[in-house]
Amino acid sequence: MLPNRQIKVEAKAALSGNWGIAIGIWVVYLVLGSAIEFTFIGPIILSGVFAFGFMAAYLTLVRTKSTSFETLFSGFSNFGTTCVAGILQTIFLTLWSLLFIIPGIVKTYSYSMTYYILRDNPNLSACEAITESRRMMNGYKGKLFCLDLSFIGWFLLCALTFGLLGLYVLPYYNAARARFYEDLKNKPTVEG
């Protein structure tokens, strides 16, 4: 796999000339996410649909160097599967987190590629996508964790600027994760 430093360089390259749309997608996703939090059933039903669209938008950006706001709503084209994937991820992560915090974190990384996989394989069921994410992440959870840790300074600066720097950092972070998936999908998995 590419070193995390190279993944970040390529993520920035994908964002070049696309910062406006990348920030816009993040803001719309944030506003929609906040709006559905005020309903009882909304977060349960729509979180997976919007998470899929959000990740699909950044995956499209990394692949084609462009994306659109319409991609943010692409989860509705496969509503049942993206909805069920969100519900199942929430259930599984809650159950793993009940055991202890560490298994919950490990499983969060295990399931982290689910929406990217669904974007590339819309014919998969939610369970199949989660299983494929677990398989794919065998041997690579630590690498993604290190990529996430490499953004900790940026996130601290976001806090110091009351979130303002997030307009730069969050698109960069999500593009880096999409680029991680692009590299990961062609790698052999590690057994165990």
C-alpha atoms as a PDB file:
ATOM      1  CA  MET A   1       0.000   0.000   0.000  1.00  0.00           C
ATOM      2  CA  LEU A   2       0.982   3.589  -0.460  1.00  0.00           C
ATOM      3  CA  PRO A   3       2.530   5.303   2.558  1.00  0.00           C
ATOM      4  CA  ASN A   4       0.037   7.498   4.427  1.00  0.00           C
ATOM      5  CA  ARG A   5       2.054  10.574   3.464  1.00  0.00           C
ATOM      6  CA  GLN A   6       1.496   9.759  -0.242  1.00  0.00           C
ATOM      7  CA  ILE A   7      -2.219   9.118   0.368  1.00  0.00           C
ATOM      8  CA  LYS A   8      -2.479  12.609   1.876  1.00  0.00           C
ATOM      9  CA  VAL A   9      -0.557  14.179  -1.031  1.00  0.00           C
ATOM     10  CA  GLU A  10      -2.901  12.522  -3.532  1.00  0.00           C
ATOM     11  CA  ALA A  11      -5.944  13.576  -1.505  1.00  0.00           C
ATOM     12  CA  LYS A  12      -4.778  17.196  -1.658  1.00  0.00           C
ATOM     13  CA  ALA A  13      -4.184  16.855  -5.397  1.00  0.00           C
ATOM     14  CA  ALA A  14      -7.761  15.629  -5.867  1.00  0.00           C
ATOM     15  CA  LEU A  15      -9.014  18.650  -3.936  1.00  0.00           C
ATOM     16  CA  SER A  16      -7.009  21.102  -6.046  1.00  0.00           C
ATOM     17  CA  GLY A  17      -9.523  23.283  -7.873  1.00  0.00           C
ATOM     18  CA  ASN A  18     -12.373  21.479  -6.097  1.00  0.00           C
ATOM     19  CA  TRP A  19     -12.247  23.015  -2.627  1.00  0.00           C
ATOM     20  CA  GLY A  20     -15.516  24.895  -3.113  1.00  0.00           C
ATOM     21  CA  ILE A  21     -17.564  21.816  -3.980  1.00  0.00           C
ATOM     22  CA  ALA A  22     -15.776  19.709  -1.328  1.00  0.00           C
ATOM     23  CA  ILE A  23     -16.544  22.274   1.377  1.00  0.00           C
ATOM     24  CA  GLY A  24     -20.091  22.707   0.069  1.00  0.00           C
ATOM     25  CA  ILE A  25     -20.750  18.965   0.238  1.00  0.00           C
ATOM     26  CA  TRP A  26     -19.413  18.882   3.803  1.00  0.00           C
ATOM     27  CA  VAL A  27     -21.605  21.827   4.864  1.00  0.00           C
ATOM     28  CA  VAL A  28     -24.751  20.379   3.232  1.00  0.00           C
ATOM     29  CA  TYR A  29     -24.042  16.989   4.847  1.00  0.00           C
ATOM     30  CA  LEU A  30     -23.577  18.684   8.228  1.00  0.00           C
ATOM     31  CA  VAL A  31     -26.799  20.705   7.878  1.00  0.00           C
ATOM     32  CA  LEU A  32     -28.821  17.678   6.739  1.00  0.00           C
ATOM     33  CA  GLY A  33     -27.352  15.564   9.530  1.00  0.00           C
ATOM     34  CA  SER A  34     -28.236  18.217  12.088  1.00  0.00           C
ATOM     35  CA  ALA A  35     -31.753  18.570  10.699  1.00  0.00           C
ATOM     36  CA  ILE A  36     -32.552  14.859  10.873  1.00  0.00           C
ATOM     37  CA  GLU A  37     -31.271  14.688  14.454  1.00  0.00           C
ATOM     38  CA  PHE A  38     -34.381  16.619  15.517  1.00  0.00           C
ATOM     39  CA  THR A  39     -36.651  13.768  14.459  1.00  0.00           C
ATOM     40  CA  PHE A  40     -36.963  10.439  16.220  1.00  0.00           C
ATOM     41  CA  ILE A  41     -36.806   8.095  13.250  1.00  0.00           C
ATOM     42  CA  GLY A  42     -34.718  10.296  10.923  1.00  0.00           C
ATOM     43  CA  PRO A  43     -31.285   9.483  12.328  1.00  0.00           C
ATOM     44  CA  ILE A  44     -32.024   5.773  12.261  1.00  0.00           C
ATOM     45  CA  ILE A  45     -33.398   5.701   8.714  1.00  0.00           C
ATOM     46  CA  LEU A  46     -31.400   8.406   6.938  1.00  0.00           C
ATOM     47  CA  SER A  47     -27.942   8.293   8.520  1.00  0.00           C
ATOM     48  CA  GLY A  48     -26.765   5.451   6.287  1.00  0.00           C
ATOM     49  CA  VAL A  49     -28.282   7.005   3.173  1.00  0.00           C
ATOM     50  CA  PHE A  50     -26.509  10.334   3.699  1.00  0.00           C
ATOM     51  CA  ALA A  51     -23.265   8.716   4.905  1.00  0.00           C
ATOM     52  CA  PHE A  52     -23.218   6.700   1.676  1.00  0.00           C
ATOM     53  CA  GLY A  53     -23.765   9.829  -0.434  1.00  0.00           C
ATOM     54  CA  PHE A  54     -21.108  11.752   1.485  1.00  0.00           C
ATOM     55  CA  MET A  55     -18.494   9.041   1.047  1.00  0.00           C
ATOM     56  CA  ALA A  56     -19.515   8.527  -2.602  1.00  0.00           C
ATOM     57  CA  ALA A  57     -18.977  12.243  -3.270  1.00  0.00           C
ATOM     58  CA  TYR A  58     -15.431  12.123  -1.912  1.00  0.00           C
ATOM     59  CA  LEU A  59     -14.680   8.826  -3.663  1.00  0.00           C
ATOM     60  CA  THR A  60     -15.842  10.371  -6.955  1.00  0.00           C
ATOM     61  CA  LEU A  61     -13.658  13.410  -6.236  1.00  0.00           C
ATOM     62  CA  VAL A  62     -10.582  11.259  -5.636  1.00  0.00           C
ATOM     63  CA  ARG A  63     -11.233   9.177  -8.760  1.00  0.00           C
ATOM     64  CA  THR A  64     -12.235  11.849 -11.257  1.00  0.00           C
ATOM     65  CA  LYS A  65     -10.939  15.093  -9.698  1.00  0.00           C
ATOM     66  CA  SER A  66     -14.531  16.417  -9.715  1.00  0.00           C
ATOM     67  CA  THR A  67     -17.827  15.725  -7.971  1.00  0.00           C
ATOM     68  CA  SER A  68     -21.281  17.252  -7.571  1.00  0.00           C
ATOM     69  CA  PHE A  69     -23.911  17.964  -4.946  1.00  0.00           C
ATOM     70  CA  GLU A  70     -26.160  15.351  -6.592  1.00  0.00           C
ATOM     71  CA  THR A  71     -23.713  12.660  -5.494  1.00  0.00           C
ATOM     72  CA  LEU A  72     -24.504  13.554  -1.888  1.00  0.00           C
ATOM     73  CA  PHE A  73     -28.032  12.239  -2.510  1.00  0.00           C
ATOM     74  CA  SER A  74     -26.965   9.105  -4.416  1.00  0.00           C
ATOM     75  CA  GLY A  75     -27.799   6.918  -1.415  1.00  0.00           C
ATOM     76  CA  PHE A  76     -31.470   7.359  -2.262  1.00  0.00           C
ATOM     77  CA  SER A  77     -30.981   5.426  -5.519  1.00  0.00           C
ATOM     78  CA  ASN A  78     -30.211   2.336  -3.423  1.00  0.00           C
ATOM     79  CA  PHE A  79     -32.259   3.417  -0.404  1.00  0.00           C
ATOM     80  CA  GLY A  80     -32.990   0.004   1.107  1.00  0.00           C
ATOM     81  CA  THR A  81     -29.425  -1.232   1.127  1.00  0.00           C
ATOM     82  CA  THR A  82     -27.823   2.018   2.311  1.00  0.00           C
ATOM     83  CA  CYS A  83     -30.474   2.423   5.002  1.00  0.00           C
ATOM     84  CA  VAL A  84     -30.022  -1.156   6.253  1.00  0.00           C
ATOM     85  CA  ALA A  85     -26.209  -0.780   6.139  1.00  0.00           C
ATOM     86  CA  GLY A  86     -26.458   2.277   8.405  1.00  0.00           C
ATOM     87  CA  ILE A  87     -28.799   0.521  10.827  1.00  0.00           C
ATOM     88  CA  LEU A  88     -26.673  -2.640  10.943  1.00  0.00           C
ATOM     89  CA  GLN A  89     -23.442  -0.707  11.448  1.00  0.00           C
ATOM     90  CA  THR A  90     -25.032   1.192  14.327  1.00  0.00           C
ATOM     91  CA  ILE A  91     -26.312  -2.016  15.935  1.00  0.00           C
ATOM     92  CA  PHE A  92     -23.027  -3.898  15.492  1.00  0.00           C
ATOM     93  CA  LEU A  93     -20.893  -1.014  16.750  1.00  0.00           C
ATOM     94  CA  THR A  94     -23.175  -0.482  19.745  1.00  0.00           C
ATOM     95  CA  LEU A  95     -22.975  -4.162  20.658  1.00  0.00           C
ATOM     96  CA  TRP A  96     -19.179  -4.266  20.264  1.00  0.00           C
ATOM     97  CA  SER A  97     -18.841  -1.076  22.304  1.00  0.00           C
ATOM     98  CA  LEU A  98     -20.857  -2.624  25.117  1.00  0.00           C
ATOM     99  CA  LEU A  99     -18.086  -5.175  25.591  1.00  0.00           C
ATOM    100  CA  PHE A 100     -15.370  -2.572  25.967  1.00  0.00           C
ATOM    101  CA  ILE A 101     -14.268   0.600  24.246  1.00  0.00           C
ATOM    102  CA  ILE A 102     -11.313  -0.950  22.389  1.00  0.00           C
ATOM    103  CA  PRO A 103     -13.331  -3.662  20.557  1.00  0.00           C
ATOM    104  CA  GLY A 104     -15.779  -0.950  19.500  1.00  0.00           C
ATOM    105  CA  ILE A 105     -12.954   1.120  18.033  1.00  0.00           C
ATOM    106  CA  VAL A 106     -11.483  -1.915  16.253  1.00  0.00           C
ATOM    107  CA  LYS A 107     -14.872  -2.764  14.751  1.00  0.00           C
ATOM    108  CA  THR A 108     -15.370   0.853  13.671  1.00  0.00           C
ATOM    109  CA  TYR A 109     -12.249   0.446  11.547  1.00  0.00           C
ATOM    110  CA  SER A 110     -13.395  -2.987  10.357  1.00  0.00           C
ATOM    111  CA  TYR A 111     -16.660  -1.543   9.015  1.00  0.00           C
ATOM    112  CA  SER A 112     -15.199   1.747   7.751  1.00  0.00           C
ATOM    113  CA  MET A 113     -15.110   0.781   4.055  1.00  0.00           C
ATOM    114  CA  THR A 114     -18.773  -0.334   3.878  1.00  0.00           C
ATOM    115  CA  TYR A 115     -20.173   2.665   1.985  1.00  0.00           C
ATOM    116  CA  TYR A 116     -17.264   2.806  -0.447  1.00  0.00           C
ATOM    117  CA  ILE A 117     -17.852  -0.880  -1.196  1.00  0.00           C
ATOM    118  CA  LEU A 118     -21.570  -0.258  -1.714  1.00  0.00           C
ATOM    119  CA  ARG A 119     -20.709   2.609  -4.061  1.00  0.00           C
ATOM    120  CA  ASP A 120     -18.603   0.264  -6.183  1.00  0.00           C
ATOM    121  CA  ASN A 121     -20.921  -2.757  -5.786  1.00  0.00           C
ATOM    122  CA  PRO A 122     -24.544  -1.562  -5.525  1.00  0.00           C
ATOM    123  CA  ASN A 123     -25.764  -5.139  -6.016  1.00  0.00           C
ATOM    124  CA  LEU A 124     -24.368  -6.234  -2.632  1.00  0.00           C
ATOM    125  CA  SER A 125     -26.630  -6.449   0.388  1.00  0.00           C
ATOM    126  CA  ALA A 126     -25.829  -4.414   3.488  1.00  0.00           C
ATOM    127  CA  CYS A 127     -24.537  -7.511   5.303  1.00  0.00           C
ATOM    128  CA  GLU A 128     -22.367  -8.505   2.342  1.00  0.00           C
ATOM    129  CA  ALA A 129     -20.841  -5.016   2.189  1.00  0.00           C
ATOM    130  CA  ILE A 130     -20.099  -5.027   5.926  1.00  0.00           C
ATOM    131  CA  THR A 131     -18.558  -8.497   5.635  1.00  0.00           C
ATOM    132  CA  GLU A 132     -16.467  -7.369   2.660  1.00  0.00           C
ATOM    133  CA  SER A 133     -15.315  -4.319   4.633  1.00  0.00           C
ATOM    134  CA  ARG A 134     -14.240  -6.569   7.506  1.00  0.00           C
ATOM    135  CA  ARG A 135     -12.375  -8.831   5.073  1.00  0.00           C
ATOM    136  CA  MET A 136     -10.739  -5.918   3.285  1.00  0.00           C
ATOM    137  CA  MET A 137      -9.571  -4.258   6.492  1.00  0.00           C
ATOM    138  CA  ASN A 138      -7.849  -7.405   7.810  1.00  0.00           C
ATOM    139  CA  GLY A 139      -4.266  -6.312   8.316  1.00  0.00           C
ATOM    140  CA  TYR A 140      -4.975  -2.652   7.459  1.00  0.00           C
ATOM    141  CA  LYS A 141      -6.913  -1.312  10.460  1.00  0.00           C
ATOM    142  CA  GLY A 142      -3.687  -0.086  12.070  1.00  0.00           C
ATOM    143  CA  LYS A 143      -2.655   1.708   8.893  1.00  0.00           C
ATOM    144  CA  LEU A 144      -5.989   3.553   8.701  1.00  0.00           C
ATOM    145  CA  PHE A 145      -5.735   4.325  12.423  1.00  0.00           C
ATOM    146  CA  CYS A 146      -2.282   5.871  11.806  1.00  0.00           C
ATOM    147  CA  LEU A 147      -3.704   7.895   8.907  1.00  0.00           C
ATOM    148  CA  ASP A 148      -6.432   9.178  11.236  1.00  0.00           C
ATOM    149  CA  LEU A 149      -3.838   9.961  13.933  1.00  0.00           C
ATOM    150  CA  SER A 150      -1.856  11.997  11.419  1.00  0.00           C
ATOM    151  CA  PHE A 151      -4.788  14.435  11.350  1.00  0.00           C
ATOM    152  CA  ILE A 152      -4.918  14.923  15.136  1.00  0.00           C
ATOM    153  CA  GLY A 153      -2.954  18.185  14.994  1.00  0.00           C
ATOM    154  CA  TRP A 154      -5.343  19.486  12.361  1.00  0.00           C
ATOM    155  CA  PHE A 155      -8.344  18.561  14.502  1.00  0.00           C
ATOM    156  CA  LEU A 156      -6.825  20.346  17.511  1.00  0.00           C
ATOM    157  CA  LEU A 157      -6.361  23.449  15.355  1.00  0.00           C
ATOM    158  CA  CYS A 158     -10.009  23.117  14.297  1.00  0.00           C
ATOM    159  CA  ALA A 159     -11.011  23.224  17.949  1.00  0.00           C
ATOM    160  CA  LEU A 160      -8.826  26.273  18.567  1.00  0.00           C
ATOM    161  CA  THR A 161     -10.464  28.101  15.639  1.00  0.00           C
ATOM    162  CA  PHE A 162     -13.964  27.118  16.857  1.00  0.00           C
ATOM    163  CA  GLY A 163     -14.412  24.851  13.849  1.00  0.00           C
ATOM    164  CA  LEU A 164     -13.523  27.412  11.203  1.00  0.00           C
ATOM    165  CA  LEU A 165     -10.437  25.499  10.063  1.00  0.00           C
ATOM    166  CA  GLY A 166     -12.728  22.500   9.610  1.00  0.00           C
ATOM    167  CA  LEU A 167     -13.716  23.966   6.252  1.00  0.00           C
ATOM    168  CA  TYR A 168     -10.218  23.005   5.090  1.00  0.00           C
ATOM    169  CA  VAL A 169      -9.448  20.002   7.277  1.00  0.00           C
ATOM    170  CA  LEU A 170     -12.623  17.935   6.921  1.00  0.00           C
ATOM    171  CA  PRO A 171     -12.645  17.803   3.098  1.00  0.00           C
ATOM    172  CA  TYR A 172      -8.920  16.974   3.215  1.00  0.00           C
ATOM    173  CA  TYR A 173      -9.494  14.232   5.806  1.00  0.00           C
ATOM    174  CA  ASN A 174     -12.390  12.676   3.880  1.00  0.00           C
ATOM    175  CA  ALA A 175     -10.513  12.802   0.573  1.00  0.00           C
ATOM    176  CA  ALA A 176      -7.579  11.036   2.283  1.00  0.00           C
ATOM    177  CA  ARG A 177      -9.904   8.294   3.539  1.00  0.00           C
ATOM    178  CA  ALA A 178     -11.413   7.889   0.066  1.00  0.00           C
ATOM    179  CA  ARG A 179      -7.883   7.640  -1.370  1.00  0.00           C
ATOM    180  CA  PHE A 180      -7.041   5.042   1.293  1.00  0.00           C
ATOM    181  CA  TYR A 181      -9.970   2.939   0.033  1.00  0.00           C
ATOM    182  CA  GLU A 182      -8.825   3.346  -3.577  1.00  0.00           C
ATOM    183  CA  ASP A 183      -5.431   1.924  -2.648  1.00  0.00           C
ATOM    184  CA  LEU A 184      -6.842  -0.749  -0.343  1.00  0.00           C
ATOM    185  CA  LYS A 185      -9.368  -2.251  -2.758  1.00  0.00           C
ATOM    186  CA  ASN A 186      -6.618  -3.706  -4.955  1.00  0.00           C
ATOM    187  CA  LYS A 187      -4.501  -5.098  -2.129  1.00  0.00           C
ATOM    188  CA  PRO A 188      -4.531  -8.681  -0.875  1.00  0.00           C
ATOM    189  CA  THR A 189      -6.017  -9.147   2.566  1.00  0.00           C
ATOM    190  CA  VAL A 190      -4.053 -10.473   5.480  1.00  0.00           C
ATOM    191  CA  GLU A 191      -5.507 -13.636   6.973  1.00  0.00           C
ATOM    192  CA  GLY A 192      -6.488 -13.646  10.610  1.00  0.00           C
END
